[in-house]
Amino acid sequence: MAAINITVENFEDEVLNENKPVLVDFWASWCGPCKMLSPIVEELAEELTNVKICKVNVDEQGALAEKFRVMTIPTLILFKEGKVVNTSVGVKPKTDILDMLSIS
């Protein structure tokens, strides 16, 4: 399954109310490092069934970026039971992201 695009309108349903862990990628189309990370995030979205993978375009959803104090992109935030449990800033290899998810 492809990564789900998150907006202010669907954030609560798709992220906060989800039973399984949710990894949210905060990104922008003009961001070089985001373009490097995006294929890894999409790959994880296709491979993992026990984690929901989502993306937030910070240019379109500035309120969400502000709410979670995203100052640098790409930023990955892992939510479990509606709470932030882990954060990663910058491009990371797939193995590091899997470690972040505790799935390695």
PDB file of N, CA and C in Angstrom:
ATOM      1  N   MET A   1       0.843  -1.177   0.000  1.00  0.00           N
ATOM      2  CA  MET A   1       0.000   0.000   0.000  1.00  0.00           C
ATOM      3  C   MET A   1       0.893   1.247   0.000  1.00  0.00           C
ATOM      4  N   ALA A   2       0.519   2.213  -0.772  1.00  0.00           N
ATOM      5  CA  ALA A   2       1.282   3.465  -0.826  1.00  0.00           C
ATOM      6  C   ALA A   2       1.094   4.246   0.472  1.00  0.00           C
ATOM      7  N   ALA A   3       2.054   5.124   0.734  1.00  0.00           N
ATOM      8  CA  ALA A   3       1.953   5.995   1.909  1.00  0.00           C
ATOM      9  C   ALA A   3       0.699   6.863   1.774  1.00  0.00           C
ATOM     10  N   ILE A   4       0.038   7.102   2.886  1.00  0.00           N
ATOM     11  CA  ILE A   4      -1.210   7.869   2.907  1.00  0.00           C
ATOM     12  C   ILE A   4      -0.892   9.345   3.116  1.00  0.00           C
ATOM     13  N   ASN A   5      -1.467  10.195   2.280  1.00  0.00           N
ATOM     14  CA  ASN A   5      -1.286  11.638   2.429  1.00  0.00           C
ATOM     15  C   ASN A   5      -2.168  12.142   3.564  1.00  0.00           C
ATOM     16  N   ILE A   6      -1.546  12.857   4.482  1.00  0.00           N
ATOM     17  CA  ILE A   6      -2.236  13.338   5.674  1.00  0.00           C
ATOM     18  C   ILE A   6      -2.497  14.828   5.575  1.00  0.00           C
ATOM     19  N   THR A   7      -3.700  15.209   5.981  1.00  0.00           N
ATOM     20  CA  THR A   7      -4.099  16.617   6.045  1.00  0.00           C
ATOM     21  C   THR A   7      -4.607  16.886   7.461  1.00  0.00           C
ATOM     22  N   VAL A   8      -4.844  18.147   7.749  1.00  0.00           N
ATOM     23  CA  VAL A   8      -5.422  18.505   9.045  1.00  0.00           C
ATOM     24  C   VAL A   8      -6.754  17.768   9.229  1.00  0.00           C
ATOM     25  N   GLU A   9      -7.498  17.628   8.132  1.00  0.00           N
ATOM     26  CA  GLU A   9      -8.827  17.020   8.194  1.00  0.00           C
ATOM     27  C   GLU A   9      -8.790  15.525   8.523  1.00  0.00           C
ATOM     28  N   ASN A  10      -7.810  14.787   8.006  1.00  0.00           N
ATOM     29  CA  ASN A  10      -7.807  13.336   8.238  1.00  0.00           C
ATOM     30  C   ASN A  10      -6.766  12.885   9.265  1.00  0.00           C
ATOM     31  N   PHE A  11      -6.017  13.808   9.846  1.00  0.00           N
ATOM     32  CA  PHE A  11      -4.941  13.458  10.775  1.00  0.00           C
ATOM     33  C   PHE A  11      -5.432  12.637  11.968  1.00  0.00           C
ATOM     34  N   GLU A  12      -6.512  13.078  12.584  1.00  0.00           N
ATOM     35  CA  GLU A  12      -7.000  12.377  13.772  1.00  0.00           C
ATOM     36  C   GLU A  12      -7.395  10.937  13.448  1.00  0.00           C
ATOM     37  N   ASP A  13      -8.160  10.749  12.367  1.00  0.00           N
ATOM     38  CA  ASP A  13      -8.600   9.401  11.994  1.00  0.00           C
ATOM     39  C   ASP A  13      -7.446   8.517  11.553  1.00  0.00           C
ATOM     40  N   GLU A  14      -6.566   9.038  10.709  1.00  0.00           N
ATOM     41  CA  GLU A  14      -5.503   8.220  10.116  1.00  0.00           C
ATOM     42  C   GLU A  14      -4.310   7.986  11.049  1.00  0.00           C
ATOM     43  N   VAL A  15      -4.054   8.910  11.964  1.00  0.00           N
ATOM     44  CA  VAL A  15      -2.862   8.809  12.814  1.00  0.00           C
ATOM     45  C   VAL A  15      -3.229   8.590  14.283  1.00  0.00           C
ATOM     46  N   LEU A  16      -3.941   9.524  14.868  1.00  0.00           N
ATOM     47  CA  LEU A  16      -4.194   9.470  16.311  1.00  0.00           C
ATOM     48  C   LEU A  16      -5.106   8.318  16.725  1.00  0.00           C
ATOM     49  N   ASN A  17      -6.076   7.971  15.882  1.00  0.00           N
ATOM     50  CA  ASN A  17      -7.030   6.920  16.240  1.00  0.00           C
ATOM     51  C   ASN A  17      -6.649   5.547  15.702  1.00  0.00           C
ATOM     52  N   GLU A  18      -5.485   5.424  15.093  1.00  0.00           N
ATOM     53  CA  GLU A  18      -5.035   4.150  14.514  1.00  0.00           C
ATOM     54  C   GLU A  18      -4.563   3.207  15.617  1.00  0.00           C
ATOM     55  N   ASN A  19      -4.910   1.927  15.500  1.00  0.00           N
ATOM     56  CA  ASN A  19      -4.506   0.928  16.492  1.00  0.00           C
ATOM     57  C   ASN A  19      -3.041   0.527  16.372  1.00  0.00           C
ATOM     58  N   LYS A  20      -2.536   0.475  15.141  1.00  0.00           N
ATOM     59  CA  LYS A  20      -1.141   0.085  14.977  1.00  0.00           C
ATOM     60  C   LYS A  20      -0.252   1.329  14.925  1.00  0.00           C
ATOM     61  N   PRO A  21       1.065   1.150  15.080  1.00  0.00           N
ATOM     62  CA  PRO A  21       1.976   2.300  15.001  1.00  0.00           C
ATOM     63  C   PRO A  21       1.860   3.008  13.650  1.00  0.00           C
ATOM     64  N   VAL A  22       2.086   4.327  13.669  1.00  0.00           N
ATOM     65  CA  VAL A  22       2.002   5.136  12.451  1.00  0.00           C
ATOM     66  C   VAL A  22       3.284   5.947  12.319  1.00  0.00           C
ATOM     67  N   LEU A  23       3.969   5.777  11.179  1.00  0.00           N
ATOM     68  CA  LEU A  23       5.167   6.564  10.876  1.00  0.00           C
ATOM     69  C   LEU A  23       4.747   7.683   9.936  1.00  0.00           C
ATOM     70  N   VAL A  24       5.003   8.928  10.339  1.00  0.00           N
ATOM     71  CA  VAL A  24       4.616  10.089   9.527  1.00  0.00           C
ATOM     72  C   VAL A  24       5.876  10.786   9.029  1.00  0.00           C
ATOM     73  N   ASP A  25       5.956  10.939   7.711  1.00  0.00           N
ATOM     74  CA  ASP A  25       7.070  11.615   7.048  1.00  0.00           C
ATOM     75  C   ASP A  25       6.646  13.051   6.741  1.00  0.00           C
ATOM     76  N   PHE A  26       7.286  14.025   7.403  1.00  0.00           N
ATOM     77  CA  PHE A  26       7.054  15.441   7.111  1.00  0.00           C
ATOM     78  C   PHE A  26       8.053  15.848   6.036  1.00  0.00           C
ATOM     79  N   TRP A  27       7.561  16.345   4.896  1.00  0.00           N
ATOM     80  CA  TRP A  27       8.405  16.593   3.734  1.00  0.00           C
ATOM     81  C   TRP A  27       7.891  17.795   2.945  1.00  0.00           C
ATOM     82  N   ALA A  28       8.669  18.178   1.909  1.00  0.00           N
ATOM     83  CA  ALA A  28       8.244  19.214   0.957  1.00  0.00           C
ATOM     84  C   ALA A  28       8.807  18.852  -0.420  1.00  0.00           C
ATOM     85  N   SER A  29       8.116  19.265  -1.456  1.00  0.00           N
ATOM     86  CA  SER A  29       8.506  18.897  -2.829  1.00  0.00           C
ATOM     87  C   SER A  29       9.834  19.520  -3.255  1.00  0.00           C
ATOM     88  N   TRP A  30      10.204  20.662  -2.667  1.00  0.00           N
ATOM     89  CA  TRP A  30      11.437  21.365  -3.047  1.00  0.00           C
ATOM     90  C   TRP A  30      12.652  20.873  -2.263  1.00  0.00           C
ATOM     91  N   CYS A  31      12.459  19.993  -1.309  1.00  0.00           N
ATOM     92  CA  CYS A  31      13.503  19.560  -0.379  1.00  0.00           C
ATOM     93  C   CYS A  31      14.304  18.384  -0.956  1.00  0.00           C
ATOM     94  N   GLY A  32      15.583  18.613  -1.235  1.00  0.00           N
ATOM     95  CA  GLY A  32      16.456  17.569  -1.775  1.00  0.00           C
ATOM     96  C   GLY A  32      16.551  16.339  -0.891  1.00  0.00           C
ATOM     97  N   PRO A  33      16.864  16.512   0.398  1.00  0.00           N
ATOM     98  CA  PRO A  33      16.920  15.343   1.281  1.00  0.00           C
ATOM     99  C   PRO A  33      15.580  14.588   1.354  1.00  0.00           C
ATOM    100  N   CYS A  34      14.466  15.321   1.258  1.00  0.00           N
ATOM    101  CA  CYS A  34      13.153  14.667   1.267  1.00  0.00           C
ATOM    102  C   CYS A  34      13.007  13.756   0.049  1.00  0.00           C
ATOM    103  N   LYS A  35      13.516  14.219  -1.099  1.00  0.00           N
ATOM    104  CA  LYS A  35      13.459  13.413  -2.320  1.00  0.00           C
ATOM    105  C   LYS A  35      14.316  12.158  -2.178  1.00  0.00           C
ATOM    106  N   MET A  36      15.390  12.243  -1.403  1.00  0.00           N
ATOM    107  CA  MET A  36      16.235  11.081  -1.161  1.00  0.00           C
ATOM    108  C   MET A  36      15.538  10.081  -0.232  1.00  0.00           C
ATOM    109  N   LEU A  37      14.808  10.577   0.737  1.00  0.00           N
ATOM    110  CA  LEU A  37      14.142   9.720   1.719  1.00  0.00           C
ATOM    111  C   LEU A  37      12.841   9.125   1.184  1.00  0.00           C
ATOM    112  N   SER A  38      12.181   9.825   0.300  1.00  0.00           N
ATOM    113  CA  SER A  38      10.855   9.419  -0.176  1.00  0.00           C
ATOM    114  C   SER A  38      10.795   7.984  -0.719  1.00  0.00           C
ATOM    115  N   PRO A  39      11.742   7.541  -1.556  1.00  0.00           N
ATOM    116  CA  PRO A  39      11.660   6.156  -2.048  1.00  0.00           C
ATOM    117  C   PRO A  39      11.748   5.122  -0.918  1.00  0.00           C
ATOM    118  N   ILE A  40      12.508   5.430   0.119  1.00  0.00           N
ATOM    119  CA  ILE A  40      12.631   4.514   1.256  1.00  0.00           C
ATOM    120  C   ILE A  40      11.297   4.438   1.992  1.00  0.00           C
ATOM    121  N   VAL A  41      10.678   5.594   2.205  1.00  0.00           N
ATOM    122  CA  VAL A  41       9.381   5.639   2.890  1.00  0.00           C
ATOM    123  C   VAL A  41       8.330   4.877   2.082  1.00  0.00           C
ATOM    124  N   GLU A  42       8.321   5.068   0.774  1.00  0.00           N
ATOM    125  CA  GLU A  42       7.354   4.366  -0.084  1.00  0.00           C
ATOM    126  C   GLU A  42       7.615   2.863  -0.074  1.00  0.00           C
ATOM    127  N   GLU A  43       8.881   2.473  -0.063  1.00  0.00           N
ATOM    128  CA  GLU A  43       9.247   1.061   0.004  1.00  0.00           C
ATOM    129  C   GLU A  43       8.723   0.438   1.301  1.00  0.00           C
ATOM    130  N   LEU A  44       8.905   1.135   2.402  1.00  0.00           N
ATOM    131  CA  LEU A  44       8.400   0.652   3.691  1.00  0.00           C
ATOM    132  C   LEU A  44       6.881   0.538   3.670  1.00  0.00           C
ATOM    133  N   ALA A  45       6.223   1.500   3.030  1.00  0.00           N
ATOM    134  CA  ALA A  45       4.754   1.475   2.943  1.00  0.00           C
ATOM    135  C   ALA A  45       4.286   0.223   2.201  1.00  0.00           C
ATOM    136  N   GLU A  46       5.030  -0.193   1.190  1.00  0.00           N
ATOM    137  CA  GLU A  46       4.677  -1.385   0.422  1.00  0.00           C
ATOM    138  C   GLU A  46       4.985  -2.668   1.188  1.00  0.00           C
ATOM    139  N   GLU A  47       6.054  -2.664   1.971  1.00  0.00           N
ATOM    140  CA  GLU A  47       6.541  -3.881   2.625  1.00  0.00           C
ATOM    141  C   GLU A  47       5.901  -4.165   3.985  1.00  0.00           C
ATOM    142  N   LEU A  48       5.629  -3.138   4.759  1.00  0.00           N
ATOM    143  CA  LEU A  48       5.192  -3.337   6.140  1.00  0.00           C
ATOM    144  C   LEU A  48       3.674  -3.383   6.254  1.00  0.00           C
ATOM    145  N   THR A  49       3.199  -4.341   7.019  1.00  0.00           N
ATOM    146  CA  THR A  49       1.757  -4.443   7.257  1.00  0.00           C
ATOM    147  C   THR A  49       1.410  -4.101   8.705  1.00  0.00           C
ATOM    148  N   ASN A  50       2.408  -4.110   9.574  1.00  0.00           N
ATOM    149  CA  ASN A  50       2.148  -3.850  10.998  1.00  0.00           C
ATOM    150  C   ASN A  50       2.400  -2.400  11.398  1.00  0.00           C
ATOM    151  N   VAL A  51       2.738  -1.554  10.410  1.00  0.00           N
ATOM    152  CA  VAL A  51       2.933  -0.120  10.646  1.00  0.00           C
ATOM    153  C   VAL A  51       2.267   0.632   9.501  1.00  0.00           C
ATOM    154  N   LYS A  52       1.504   1.662   9.830  1.00  0.00           N
ATOM    155  CA  LYS A  52       0.904   2.515   8.800  1.00  0.00           C
ATOM    156  C   LYS A  52       1.909   3.610   8.460  1.00  0.00           C
ATOM    157  N   ILE A  53       2.125   3.855   7.176  1.00  0.00           N
ATOM    158  CA  ILE A  53       3.072   4.864   6.712  1.00  0.00           C
ATOM    159  C   ILE A  53       2.293   6.020   6.090  1.00  0.00           C
ATOM    160  N   CYS A  54       2.592   7.226   6.567  1.00  0.00           N
ATOM    161  CA  CYS A  54       1.875   8.415   6.102  1.00  0.00           C
ATOM    162  C   CYS A  54       2.870   9.525   5.767  1.00  0.00           C
ATOM    163  N   LYS A  55       2.394  10.502   4.984  1.00  0.00           N
ATOM    164  CA  LYS A  55       3.223  11.637   4.586  1.00  0.00           C
ATOM    165  C   LYS A  55       2.453  12.935   4.800  1.00  0.00           C
ATOM    166  N   VAL A  56       3.178  13.959   5.278  1.00  0.00           N
ATOM    167  CA  VAL A  56       2.591  15.285   5.455  1.00  0.00           C
ATOM    168  C   VAL A  56       3.442  16.271   4.659  1.00  0.00           C
ATOM    169  N   ASN A  57       2.830  16.927   3.677  1.00  0.00           N
ATOM    170  CA  ASN A  57       3.504  17.979   2.926  1.00  0.00           C
ATOM    171  C   ASN A  57       3.448  19.249   3.773  1.00  0.00           C
ATOM    172  N   VAL A  58       4.602  19.678   4.283  1.00  0.00           N
ATOM    173  CA  VAL A  58       4.623  20.807   5.220  1.00  0.00           C
ATOM    174  C   VAL A  58       4.204  22.119   4.566  1.00  0.00           C
ATOM    175  N   ASP A  59       4.363  22.237   3.260  1.00  0.00           N
ATOM    176  CA  ASP A  59       3.928  23.460   2.570  1.00  0.00           C
ATOM    177  C   ASP A  59       2.404  23.552   2.523  1.00  0.00           C
ATOM    178  N   GLU A  60       1.743  22.406   2.434  1.00  0.00           N
ATOM    179  CA  GLU A  60       0.280  22.379   2.353  1.00  0.00           C
ATOM    180  C   GLU A  60      -0.365  22.229   3.727  1.00  0.00           C
ATOM    181  N   GLN A  61       0.367  21.667   4.672  1.00  0.00           N
ATOM    182  CA  GLN A  61      -0.185  21.369   5.998  1.00  0.00           C
ATOM    183  C   GLN A  61       0.697  21.982   7.089  1.00  0.00           C
ATOM    184  N   GLY A  62       0.926  23.278   6.977  1.00  0.00           N
ATOM    185  CA  GLY A  62       1.790  23.985   7.916  1.00  0.00           C
ATOM    186  C   GLY A  62       1.333  23.878   9.363  1.00  0.00           C
ATOM    187  N   ALA A  63       0.034  23.782   9.583  1.00  0.00           N
ATOM    188  CA  ALA A  63      -0.478  23.693  10.954  1.00  0.00           C
ATOM    189  C   ALA A  63      -0.016  22.404  11.623  1.00  0.00           C
ATOM    190  N   LEU A  64       0.044  21.306  10.872  1.00  0.00           N
ATOM    191  CA  LEU A  64       0.518  20.041  11.446  1.00  0.00           C
ATOM    192  C   LEU A  64       2.006  20.102  11.748  1.00  0.00           C
ATOM    193  N   ALA A  65       2.773  20.690  10.829  1.00  0.00           N
ATOM    194  CA  ALA A  65       4.212  20.841  11.061  1.00  0.00           C
ATOM    195  C   ALA A  65       4.459  21.686  12.306  1.00  0.00           C
ATOM    196  N   GLU A  66       3.690  22.743  12.451  1.00  0.00           N
ATOM    197  CA  GLU A  66       3.830  23.624  13.616  1.00  0.00           C
ATOM    198  C   GLU A  66       3.425  22.905  14.902  1.00  0.00           C
ATOM    199  N   LYS A  67       2.343  22.151  14.855  1.00  0.00           N
ATOM    200  CA  LYS A  67       1.844  21.442  16.034  1.00  0.00           C
ATOM    201  C   LYS A  67       2.897  20.477  16.594  1.00  0.00           C
ATOM    202  N   PHE A  68       3.646  19.836  15.689  1.00  0.00           N
ATOM    203  CA  PHE A  68       4.640  18.854  16.126  1.00  0.00           C
ATOM    204  C   PHE A  68       6.063  19.410  16.086  1.00  0.00           C
ATOM    205  N   ARG A  69       6.157  20.735  16.005  1.00  0.00           N
ATOM    206  CA  ARG A  69       7.437  21.457  16.057  1.00  0.00           C
ATOM    207  C   ARG A  69       8.452  20.948  15.041  1.00  0.00           C
ATOM    208  N   VAL A  70       7.965  20.674  13.826  1.00  0.00           N
ATOM    209  CA  VAL A  70       8.849  20.241  12.758  1.00  0.00           C
ATOM    210  C   VAL A  70       9.545  21.477  12.200  1.00  0.00           C
ATOM    211  N   MET A  71      10.832  21.606  12.508  1.00  0.00           N
ATOM    212  CA  MET A  71      11.612  22.770  12.080  1.00  0.00           C
ATOM    213  C   MET A  71      12.521  22.448  10.902  1.00  0.00           C
ATOM    214  N   THR A  72      12.854  21.169  10.743  1.00  0.00           N
ATOM    215  CA  THR A  72      13.750  20.705   9.699  1.00  0.00           C
ATOM    216  C   THR A  72      13.084  19.528   9.003  1.00  0.00           C
ATOM    217  N   ILE A  73      13.226  19.478   7.687  1.00  0.00           N
ATOM    218  CA  ILE A  73      12.673  18.344   6.953  1.00  0.00           C
ATOM    219  C   ILE A  73      13.791  17.666   6.171  1.00  0.00           C
ATOM    220  N   PRO A  74      13.681  16.391   5.923  1.00  0.00           N
ATOM    221  CA  PRO A  74      12.599  15.514   6.347  1.00  0.00           C
ATOM    222  C   PRO A  74      12.672  15.198   7.842  1.00  0.00           C
ATOM    223  N   THR A  75      11.497  15.061   8.431  1.00  0.00           N
ATOM    224  CA  THR A  75      11.368  14.597   9.810  1.00  0.00           C
ATOM    225  C   THR A  75      10.400  13.427   9.820  1.00  0.00           C
ATOM    226  N   LEU A  76      10.802  12.346  10.469  1.00  0.00           N
ATOM    227  CA  LEU A  76       9.934  11.191  10.660  1.00  0.00           C
ATOM    228  C   LEU A  76       9.480  11.181  12.113  1.00  0.00           C
ATOM    229  N   ILE A  77       8.184  11.033  12.328  1.00  0.00           N
ATOM    230  CA  ILE A  77       7.645  10.935  13.683  1.00  0.00           C
ATOM    231  C   ILE A  77       6.847   9.646  13.779  1.00  0.00           C
ATOM    232  N   LEU A  78       7.164   8.857  14.791  1.00  0.00           N
ATOM    233  CA  LEU A  78       6.458   7.610  15.028  1.00  0.00           C
ATOM    234  C   LEU A  78       5.427   7.812  16.138  1.00  0.00           C
ATOM    235  N   PHE A  79       4.186   7.474  15.830  1.00  0.00           N
ATOM    236  CA  PHE A  79       3.080   7.565  16.787  1.00  0.00           C
ATOM    237  C   PHE A  79       2.650   6.161  17.186  1.00  0.00           C
ATOM    238  N   LYS A  80       2.399   5.979  18.470  1.00  0.00           N
ATOM    239  CA  LYS A  80       1.788   4.745  18.962  1.00  0.00           C
ATOM    240  C   LYS A  80       0.678   5.159  19.920  1.00  0.00           C
ATOM    241  N   GLU A  81      -0.512   4.612  19.669  1.00  0.00           N
ATOM    242  CA  GLU A  81      -1.689   4.934  20.475  1.00  0.00           C
ATOM    243  C   GLU A  81      -1.914   6.440  20.576  1.00  0.00           C
ATOM    244  N   GLY A  82      -1.673   7.141  19.462  1.00  0.00           N
ATOM    245  CA  GLY A  82      -1.935   8.572  19.392  1.00  0.00           C
ATOM    246  C   GLY A  82      -0.877   9.460  20.003  1.00  0.00           C
ATOM    247  N   LYS A  83       0.232   8.865  20.471  1.00  0.00           N
ATOM    248  CA  LYS A  83       1.293   9.655  21.105  1.00  0.00           C
ATOM    249  C   LYS A  83       2.604   9.525  20.344  1.00  0.00           C
ATOM    250  N   VAL A  84       3.388  10.605  20.336  1.00  0.00           N
ATOM    251  CA  VAL A  84       4.709  10.581  19.709  1.00  0.00           C
ATOM    252  C   VAL A  84       5.630   9.737  20.578  1.00  0.00           C
ATOM    253  N   VAL A  85       6.250   8.714  19.966  1.00  0.00           N
ATOM    254  CA  VAL A  85       7.156   7.848  20.720  1.00  0.00           C
ATOM    255  C   VAL A  85       8.587   7.896  20.195  1.00  0.00           C
ATOM    256  N   ASN A  86       8.775   8.420  18.981  1.00  0.00           N
ATOM    257  CA  ASN A  86      10.117   8.508  18.426  1.00  0.00           C
ATOM    258  C   ASN A  86      10.130   9.531  17.295  1.00  0.00           C
ATOM    259  N   THR A  87      11.280  10.177  17.119  1.00  0.00           N
ATOM    260  CA  THR A  87      11.437  11.183  16.070  1.00  0.00           C
ATOM    261  C   THR A  87      12.815  11.033  15.445  1.00  0.00           C
ATOM    262  N   SER A  88      12.884  11.250  14.139  1.00  0.00           N
ATOM    263  CA  SER A  88      14.150  11.204  13.417  1.00  0.00           C
ATOM    264  C   SER A  88      14.179  12.370  12.434  1.00  0.00           C
ATOM    265  N   VAL A  89      15.291  13.102  12.417  1.00  0.00           N
ATOM    266  CA  VAL A  89      15.425  14.253  11.520  1.00  0.00           C
ATOM    267  C   VAL A  89      16.533  13.967  10.513  1.00  0.00           C
ATOM    268  N   GLY A  90      16.256  14.261   9.246  1.00  0.00           N
ATOM    269  CA  GLY A  90      17.250  14.067   8.194  1.00  0.00           C
ATOM    270  C   GLY A  90      17.077  12.732   7.496  1.00  0.00           C
ATOM    271  N   VAL A  91      17.888  12.541   6.463  1.00  0.00           N
ATOM    272  CA  VAL A  91      17.836  11.299   5.685  1.00  0.00           C
ATOM    273  C   VAL A  91      18.506  10.192   6.484  1.00  0.00           C
ATOM    274  N   LYS A  92      17.843   9.071   6.554  1.00  0.00           N
ATOM    275  CA  LYS A  92      18.367   7.908   7.261  1.00  0.00           C
ATOM    276  C   LYS A  92      18.263   6.691   6.349  1.00  0.00           C
ATOM    277  N   PRO A  93      19.186   5.739   6.498  1.00  0.00           N
ATOM    278  CA  PRO A  93      19.049   4.501   5.722  1.00  0.00           C
ATOM    279  C   PRO A  93      17.858   3.690   6.221  1.00  0.00           C
ATOM    280  N   LYS A  94      17.396   2.809   5.379  1.00  0.00           N
ATOM    281  CA  LYS A  94      16.238   1.984   5.698  1.00  0.00           C
ATOM    282  C   LYS A  94      16.440   1.220   7.010  1.00  0.00           C
ATOM    283  N   THR A  95      17.636   0.713   7.236  1.00  0.00           N
ATOM    284  CA  THR A  95      17.899  -0.053   8.465  1.00  0.00           C
ATOM    285  C   THR A  95      17.681   0.791   9.715  1.00  0.00           C
ATOM    286  N   ASP A  96      18.071   2.057   9.661  1.00  0.00           N
ATOM    287  CA  ASP A  96      17.871   2.952  10.804  1.00  0.00           C
ATOM    288  C   ASP A  96      16.382   3.201  11.052  1.00  0.00           C
ATOM    289  N   ILE A  97      15.624   3.327   9.972  1.00  0.00           N
ATOM    290  CA  ILE A  97      14.186   3.557  10.122  1.00  0.00           C
ATOM    291  C   ILE A  97      13.523   2.307  10.691  1.00  0.00           C
ATOM    292  N   LEU A  98      13.946   1.145  10.227  1.00  0.00           N
ATOM    293  CA  LEU A  98      13.403  -0.102  10.779  1.00  0.00           C
ATOM    294  C   LEU A  98      13.741  -0.218  12.258  1.00  0.00           C
ATOM    295  N   ASP A  99      14.947   0.182  12.642  1.00  0.00           N
ATOM    296  CA  ASP A  99      15.314   0.195  14.071  1.00  0.00           C
ATOM    297  C   ASP A  99      14.406   1.137  14.842  1.00  0.00           C
ATOM    298  N   MET A 100      14.137   2.296  14.254  1.00  0.00           N
ATOM    299  CA  MET A 100      13.247   3.275  14.885  1.00  0.00           C
ATOM    300  C   MET A 100      11.872   2.654  15.139  1.00  0.00           C
ATOM    301  N   LEU A 101      11.450   1.817  14.209  1.00  0.00           N
ATOM    302  CA  LEU A 101      10.142   1.164  14.302  1.00  0.00           C
ATOM    303  C   LEU A 101      10.196  -0.075  15.204  1.00  0.00           C
ATOM    304  N   SER A 102      11.406  -0.440  15.629  1.00  0.00           N
ATOM    305  CA  SER A 102      11.617  -1.658  16.441  1.00  0.00           C
ATOM    306  C   SER A 102      11.177  -2.907  15.719  1.00  0.00           C
ATOM    307  N   ILE A 103      11.517  -2.956  14.417  1.00  0.00           N
ATOM    308  CA  ILE A 103      11.111  -4.095  13.584  1.00  0.00           C
ATOM    309  C   ILE A 103      12.328  -4.830  13.032  1.00  0.00           C
ATOM    310  N   SER A 104      13.502  -4.365  13.290  1.00  0.00           N
ATOM    311  CA  SER A 104      14.701  -4.906  12.623  1.00  0.00           C
ATOM    312  C   SER A 104      14.816  -6.414  12.718  1.00  0.00           C
TER     313      SER A 104
END
